[in-house]
Amino acid sequence: MRYKIAFALGLGVGYVLGTRAGRERYEQLRKSARQVAQNPAVRNAAESAGQAGRQVAGKAFAAVSDKVGDAVPDSLAGRVRGLRGRAGGGAGATEDDWGTSNT
């Protein structure tokens, strides 16, 4: 019960502070978030993390498919093959689903 009251109190305080900040503060935070997202260092880190994730997914799929054999659905196998193809990046990098290049 104590946690429910604390949650409700926090929700109320957040609402009041949020409404007092208003649209101007919201736009200011939105502009700051956009600037961070467009920072080249942030974009490179996100792209590197995405590539690493695709590589790990490919390795995990290979390990699982070795153990379960033909029980892996074709739809999943096709999706992982697509990820493996995108993980390469390199000089002929194309844009991914989020509009960032895989460089």
Protein backbone atom coordinates (compact mmCIF):
# COMPACT_ATOMS: atom_id res chain seq x y z
CA MET A 1 0.00 0.00 0.00
CA ARG A 2 2.87 2.33 0.83
CA TYR A 3 4.29 1.90 -2.69
CA LYS A 4 0.96 2.68 -4.31
CA ILE A 5 0.69 5.92 -2.38
CA ALA A 6 4.28 6.86 -3.22
CA PHE A 7 3.64 6.10 -6.90
CA ALA A 8 0.43 8.16 -6.94
CA LEU A 9 2.20 11.03 -5.19
CA GLY A 10 5.09 10.90 -7.69
CA LEU A 11 2.63 10.79 -10.57
CA GLY A 12 0.83 13.84 -9.22
CA VAL A 13 4.04 15.81 -8.68
CA GLY A 14 5.25 14.93 -12.16
CA TYR A 15 1.97 16.03 -13.69
CA VAL A 16 1.97 19.36 -11.86
CA LEU A 17 5.59 20.10 -12.73
CA GLY A 18 5.02 19.03 -16.33
CA THR A 19 2.00 21.27 -16.78
CA ARG A 20 3.81 24.21 -15.24
CA ALA A 21 6.75 23.76 -17.59
CA GLY A 22 4.34 23.96 -20.51
CA ARG A 23 4.80 23.68 -24.23
CA GLU A 24 7.86 25.93 -24.35
CA ARG A 25 9.88 23.62 -22.11
CA TYR A 26 8.66 20.60 -24.08
CA GLU A 27 9.88 22.14 -27.33
CA GLN A 28 13.20 23.02 -25.70
CA LEU A 29 13.71 19.41 -24.54
CA ARG A 30 12.67 18.11 -27.95
CA LYS A 31 15.21 20.37 -29.69
CA SER A 32 17.97 19.23 -27.33
CA ALA A 33 17.11 15.57 -27.93
CA ARG A 34 17.21 16.13 -31.68
CA GLN A 35 20.63 17.79 -31.44
CA VAL A 36 21.99 14.87 -29.41
CA ALA A 37 20.56 12.35 -31.89
CA GLN A 38 22.18 14.20 -34.81
CA ASN A 39 25.60 14.35 -33.14
CA PRO A 40 28.05 12.32 -35.28
CA ALA A 41 29.59 10.62 -32.25
CA VAL A 42 26.17 9.48 -31.02
CA ARG A 43 25.17 8.30 -34.49
CA ASN A 44 28.43 6.33 -34.88
CA ALA A 45 27.95 4.71 -31.48
CA ALA A 46 24.37 3.76 -32.35
CA GLU A 47 25.42 2.32 -35.71
CA SER A 48 28.25 0.35 -34.10
CA ALA A 49 25.86 -1.03 -31.49
CA GLY A 50 23.42 -2.00 -34.23
CA GLN A 51 26.10 -3.79 -36.22
CA ALA A 52 27.33 -5.61 -33.12
CA GLY A 53 23.77 -6.64 -32.31
CA ARG A 54 23.23 -8.02 -35.80
CA GLN A 55 26.48 -9.98 -35.58
CA VAL A 56 25.52 -11.44 -32.20
CA ALA A 57 22.06 -12.33 -33.52
CA GLY A 58 23.64 -14.13 -36.46
CA LYS A 59 25.99 -16.09 -34.22
CA ALA A 60 23.15 -16.97 -31.84
CA PHE A 61 21.00 -18.12 -34.75
CA ALA A 62 23.83 -20.30 -36.04
CA ALA A 63 24.32 -21.86 -32.61
CA VAL A 64 20.60 -22.51 -32.17
CA SER A 65 20.09 -23.82 -35.69
CA ASP A 66 22.99 -26.26 -35.21
CA LYS A 67 21.24 -27.66 -32.15
CA VAL A 68 17.65 -27.76 -33.43
CA GLY A 69 18.37 -28.46 -37.08
CA ASP A 70 15.42 -28.06 -39.46
CA ALA A 71 13.03 -27.02 -36.69
CA VAL A 72 13.90 -23.34 -37.27
CA PRO A 73 11.05 -21.76 -39.26
CA ASP A 74 11.94 -20.52 -42.75
CA SER A 75 10.62 -17.05 -41.91
CA LEU A 76 13.11 -16.71 -39.05
CA ALA A 77 15.96 -18.09 -41.12
CA GLY A 78 15.24 -15.56 -43.89
CA ARG A 79 15.13 -12.68 -41.44
CA VAL A 80 18.50 -13.63 -39.92
CA ARG A 81 20.05 -14.01 -43.37
CA GLY A 82 18.85 -10.45 -44.08
CA LEU A 83 20.51 -9.23 -40.90
CA ARG A 84 23.75 -10.94 -41.80
CA GLY A 85 23.77 -9.19 -45.17
CA ARG A 86 23.33 -5.78 -43.54
CA ALA A 87 25.99 -6.33 -40.89
CA GLY A 88 28.79 -5.90 -43.41
CA GLY A 89 28.45 -2.15 -44.00
CA GLY A 90 31.68 -0.96 -45.65
CA ALA A 91 32.23 1.32 -48.61
CA GLY A 92 28.94 0.45 -50.33
CA ALA A 93 26.89 1.10 -47.23
CA THR A 94 23.23 1.79 -47.70
CA GLU A 95 20.76 3.37 -45.34
CA ASP A 96 18.97 1.18 -42.84
CA ASP A 97 15.32 1.29 -41.70
CA TRP A 98 15.99 4.32 -39.48
CA GLY A 99 17.64 6.49 -42.12
CA THR A 100 21.20 6.08 -40.89
CA SER A 101 24.00 4.68 -42.98
CA ASN A 102 25.87 1.57 -41.95
CA THR A 103 29.34 3.08 -42.16
